[in-house]
């Protein structure tokens, strides 16, 4: 008798989990089905501009670090007098 109660509760829990997955906010990925979804954050023009600026700033820092290493290596190989 306890198995009937437990397995029935397990089935109801599984159905509730699937239903919740259908309506819960989708996060930053693709859009959820029509009545529940909203425009994904990463696809907005403002967020695209922020991500582009962050990528460019990171690339600039990497380039500066590489240039600093090159300078140090060049000074070690052929020190200027």
N, C-alpha and C. Protein backbone atom coordinates (compact mmCIF):
# COMPACT_ATOMS: atom_id res chain seq x y z
N UNK A 1 0.82 -1.19 0.00
CA UNK A 1 0.00 0.00 0.00
C UNK A 1 0.87 1.26 0.00
N UNK A 2 1.97 1.24 0.74
CA UNK A 2 2.84 2.40 0.77
C UNK A 2 3.45 2.66 -0.61
N UNK A 3 3.71 1.58 -1.39
CA UNK A 3 4.26 1.73 -2.73
C UNK A 3 3.30 2.48 -3.65
N UNK A 4 2.02 2.21 -3.53
CA UNK A 4 1.04 2.91 -4.37
C UNK A 4 1.06 4.41 -4.08
N UNK A 5 1.14 4.74 -2.83
CA UNK A 5 1.19 6.15 -2.45
C UNK A 5 2.48 6.80 -2.94
N UNK A 6 3.60 6.11 -2.72
CA UNK A 6 4.91 6.65 -3.10
C UNK A 6 5.04 6.80 -4.61
N UNK A 7 4.66 5.77 -5.36
CA UNK A 7 4.78 5.85 -6.82
C UNK A 7 3.82 6.87 -7.41
N UNK A 8 2.63 6.98 -6.85
CA UNK A 8 1.69 8.00 -7.30
C UNK A 8 2.23 9.40 -7.05
N UNK A 9 2.82 9.58 -5.88
CA UNK A 9 3.43 10.87 -5.56
C UNK A 9 4.62 11.16 -6.48
N UNK A 10 5.37 10.12 -6.81
CA UNK A 10 6.50 10.27 -7.72
C UNK A 10 6.04 10.68 -9.12
N UNK A 11 4.95 10.10 -9.60
CA UNK A 11 4.41 10.45 -10.92
C UNK A 11 3.93 11.90 -10.92
N UNK A 12 3.23 12.30 -9.88
CA UNK A 12 2.75 13.67 -9.77
C UNK A 12 3.94 14.64 -9.71
N UNK A 13 4.97 14.27 -8.98
CA UNK A 13 6.16 15.11 -8.91
C UNK A 13 6.85 15.25 -10.25
N UNK A 14 6.93 14.16 -11.01
CA UNK A 14 7.56 14.20 -12.33
C UNK A 14 6.76 15.09 -13.27
N UNK A 15 5.46 14.97 -13.25
CA UNK A 15 4.61 15.80 -14.11
C UNK A 15 4.75 17.27 -13.71
N UNK A 16 4.79 17.53 -12.41
CA UNK A 16 4.96 18.91 -11.94
C UNK A 16 6.32 19.47 -12.37
N UNK A 17 7.36 18.64 -12.35
CA UNK A 17 8.68 19.11 -12.77
C UNK A 17 8.70 19.45 -14.25
N UNK A 18 8.04 18.64 -15.07
CA UNK A 18 7.98 18.92 -16.51
C UNK A 18 7.16 20.18 -16.76
N UNK A 19 6.04 20.33 -16.07
CA UNK A 19 5.22 21.54 -16.23
C UNK A 19 5.99 22.78 -15.81
N UNK A 20 6.73 22.69 -14.72
CA UNK A 20 7.52 23.83 -14.26
C UNK A 20 8.61 24.18 -15.27
N UNK A 21 9.22 23.16 -15.87
CA UNK A 21 10.26 23.42 -16.87
C UNK A 21 9.70 24.11 -18.10
N UNK A 22 8.43 23.88 -18.39
CA UNK A 22 7.82 24.52 -19.56
C UNK A 22 7.53 26.00 -19.33
N UNK A 23 7.29 26.40 -18.08
CA UNK A 23 6.88 27.79 -17.84
C UNK A 23 7.91 28.62 -17.10
N UNK A 24 8.94 28.02 -16.56
CA UNK A 24 9.95 28.78 -15.80
C UNK A 24 10.76 29.64 -16.76
N UNK A 25 11.23 30.80 -16.34
CA UNK A 25 12.02 31.65 -17.23
C UNK A 25 13.20 30.90 -17.84
N UNK A 26 13.47 31.19 -19.08
CA UNK A 26 14.44 30.41 -19.83
C UNK A 26 15.87 30.82 -19.61
N UNK A 27 16.14 31.85 -18.85
CA UNK A 27 17.51 32.27 -18.63
C UNK A 27 18.00 33.12 -19.79
N UNK A 28 19.21 32.87 -20.24
CA UNK A 28 19.83 33.72 -21.25
C UNK A 28 19.85 33.08 -22.62
N UNK A 29 19.27 31.92 -22.77
CA UNK A 29 19.31 31.20 -24.04
C UNK A 29 18.18 31.57 -24.97
N UNK A 30 17.67 30.59 -25.68
CA UNK A 30 16.59 30.81 -26.63
C UNK A 30 15.28 31.11 -25.93
N UNK A 31 14.38 31.67 -26.70
CA UNK A 31 13.08 32.09 -26.19
C UNK A 31 12.22 30.89 -25.81
N UNK A 32 11.47 31.02 -24.72
CA UNK A 32 10.51 30.00 -24.30
C UNK A 32 9.29 30.04 -25.21
N UNK A 33 8.41 29.07 -25.11
CA UNK A 33 7.18 29.09 -25.90
C UNK A 33 6.39 30.38 -25.67
N UNK A 34 5.59 30.74 -26.62
CA UNK A 34 4.93 32.05 -26.72
C UNK A 34 4.31 32.61 -25.44
N UNK A 35 3.43 31.93 -24.74
CA UNK A 35 2.79 32.62 -23.62
C UNK A 35 3.72 32.88 -22.44
N UNK A 36 4.88 32.24 -22.38
CA UNK A 36 5.73 32.35 -21.20
C UNK A 36 7.04 33.10 -21.46
N UNK A 37 7.47 33.16 -22.70
CA UNK A 37 8.81 33.67 -23.00
C UNK A 37 8.92 35.18 -22.98
N UNK A 38 10.15 35.62 -23.01
CA UNK A 38 10.47 37.03 -23.16
C UNK A 38 11.75 37.13 -23.98
N UNK A 39 12.07 38.32 -24.44
CA UNK A 39 13.25 38.50 -25.27
C UNK A 39 14.49 38.14 -24.46
N UNK A 40 15.33 37.24 -24.95
CA UNK A 40 16.54 36.88 -24.21
C UNK A 40 17.43 38.10 -23.99
N UNK A 41 18.02 38.18 -22.82
CA UNK A 41 18.82 39.33 -22.42
C UNK A 41 20.02 39.51 -23.34
N UNK A 42 20.67 38.43 -23.72
CA UNK A 42 21.89 38.54 -24.51
C UNK A 42 21.64 38.99 -25.95
N UNK A 43 20.41 38.97 -26.38
CA UNK A 43 20.11 39.39 -27.75
C UNK A 43 19.72 40.86 -27.86
N UNK A 44 19.59 41.56 -26.75
CA UNK A 44 19.22 42.97 -26.82
C UNK A 44 20.40 43.79 -27.34
N UNK A 45 20.09 44.88 -28.00
CA UNK A 45 21.14 45.72 -28.60
C UNK A 45 22.06 46.30 -27.52
N UNK A 46 21.49 46.66 -26.39
CA UNK A 46 22.30 47.23 -25.31
C UNK A 46 23.31 46.20 -24.79
N UNK A 47 22.85 44.97 -24.59
CA UNK A 47 23.75 43.93 -24.08
C UNK A 47 24.79 43.56 -25.13
N UNK A 48 24.41 43.55 -26.40
CA UNK A 48 25.38 43.26 -27.46
C UNK A 48 26.48 44.31 -27.47
N UNK A 49 26.11 45.59 -27.30
CA UNK A 49 27.09 46.66 -27.27
C UNK A 49 28.03 46.52 -26.06
N UNK A 50 27.46 46.16 -24.90
CA UNK A 50 28.28 45.96 -23.70
C UNK A 50 29.25 44.81 -23.90
N UNK A 51 28.77 43.72 -24.47
CA UNK A 51 29.64 42.56 -24.69
C UNK A 51 30.74 42.89 -25.69
N UNK A 52 30.41 43.64 -26.74
CA UNK A 52 31.40 44.03 -27.73
C UNK A 52 32.47 44.92 -27.10
N UNK A 53 32.05 45.89 -26.28
CA UNK A 53 33.00 46.78 -25.60
C UNK A 53 33.88 46.00 -24.63
N UNK A 54 33.31 45.06 -23.93
CA UNK A 54 34.09 44.25 -22.99
C UNK A 54 35.11 43.39 -23.73
N UNK A 55 34.70 42.83 -24.86
CA UNK A 55 35.62 42.01 -25.65
C UNK A 55 36.76 42.86 -26.20
N UNK A 56 36.44 44.04 -26.69
CA UNK A 56 37.49 44.93 -27.22
C UNK A 56 38.45 45.36 -26.12
N UNK A 57 37.93 45.65 -24.93
CA UNK A 57 38.79 46.05 -23.81
C UNK A 57 39.70 44.90 -23.39
N UNK A 58 39.15 43.69 -23.37
CA UNK A 58 39.96 42.52 -23.01
C UNK A 58 41.03 42.28 -24.06
N UNK A 59 40.69 42.43 -25.33
CA UNK A 59 41.67 42.25 -26.39
C UNK A 59 42.79 43.30 -26.30
N UNK A 60 42.41 44.52 -25.95
CA UNK A 60 43.40 45.59 -25.80
C UNK A 60 44.36 45.28 -24.65
N UNK A 61 43.82 44.77 -23.52
CA UNK A 61 44.68 44.39 -22.40
C UNK A 61 45.62 43.26 -22.78
N UNK A 62 45.14 42.28 -23.54
CA UNK A 62 45.98 41.18 -23.98
C UNK A 62 47.09 41.69 -24.89
N UNK A 63 46.73 42.58 -25.82
CA UNK A 63 47.74 43.13 -26.73
C UNK A 63 48.80 43.93 -25.96
N UNK A 64 48.38 44.70 -24.96
CA UNK A 64 49.34 45.46 -24.15
C UNK A 64 50.26 44.52 -23.37
N UNK A 65 49.71 43.45 -22.84
CA UNK A 65 50.54 42.50 -22.10
C UNK A 65 51.54 41.81 -23.03
N UNK A 66 51.09 41.44 -24.22
CA UNK A 66 51.99 40.81 -25.18
C UNK A 66 53.11 41.77 -25.59
N UNK A 67 52.75 43.02 -25.80
CA UNK A 67 53.75 44.01 -26.17
C UNK A 67 54.76 44.22 -25.04
N UNK A 68 54.29 44.22 -23.81
CA UNK A 68 55.19 44.36 -22.67
C UNK A 68 56.15 43.18 -22.59
N UNK A 69 55.64 41.97 -22.83
CA UNK A 69 56.51 40.79 -22.82
C UNK A 69 57.53 40.87 -23.94
N UNK A 70 57.09 41.28 -25.13
CA UNK A 70 58.03 41.42 -26.25
C UNK A 70 59.13 42.42 -25.92
N UNK A 71 58.76 43.54 -25.31
CA UNK A 71 59.73 44.56 -24.95
C UNK A 71 60.75 44.00 -23.96
N UNK A 72 60.27 43.30 -22.96
CA UNK A 72 61.16 42.71 -21.95
C UNK A 72 62.08 41.67 -22.59
N UNK A 73 61.52 40.85 -23.48
CA UNK A 73 62.35 39.84 -24.16
C UNK A 73 63.39 40.49 -25.05
N UNK A 74 63.00 41.54 -25.77
CA UNK A 74 63.96 42.23 -26.64
C UNK A 74 65.08 42.88 -25.84
N UNK A 75 64.74 43.42 -24.68
CA UNK A 75 65.76 44.03 -23.84
C UNK A 75 66.69 42.96 -23.25
N UNK A 76 66.16 41.78 -22.99
CA UNK A 76 66.99 40.71 -22.44
C UNK A 76 67.93 40.15 -23.52
N UNK A 77 67.46 40.08 -24.75
CA UNK A 77 68.27 39.53 -25.85
C UNK A 77 69.31 40.53 -26.30
N UNK A 78 68.89 41.76 -26.53
CA UNK A 78 69.80 42.80 -27.01
C UNK A 78 69.60 44.05 -26.15
N UNK A 79 70.21 44.10 -24.99
CA UNK A 79 70.01 45.27 -24.13
C UNK A 79 70.58 46.54 -24.80
N UNK A 80 69.83 47.59 -24.68
CA UNK A 80 70.29 48.86 -25.25
C UNK A 80 71.30 49.51 -24.31
N UNK A 81 72.32 50.12 -24.88
CA UNK A 81 73.40 50.66 -24.06
C UNK A 81 73.24 52.11 -23.80
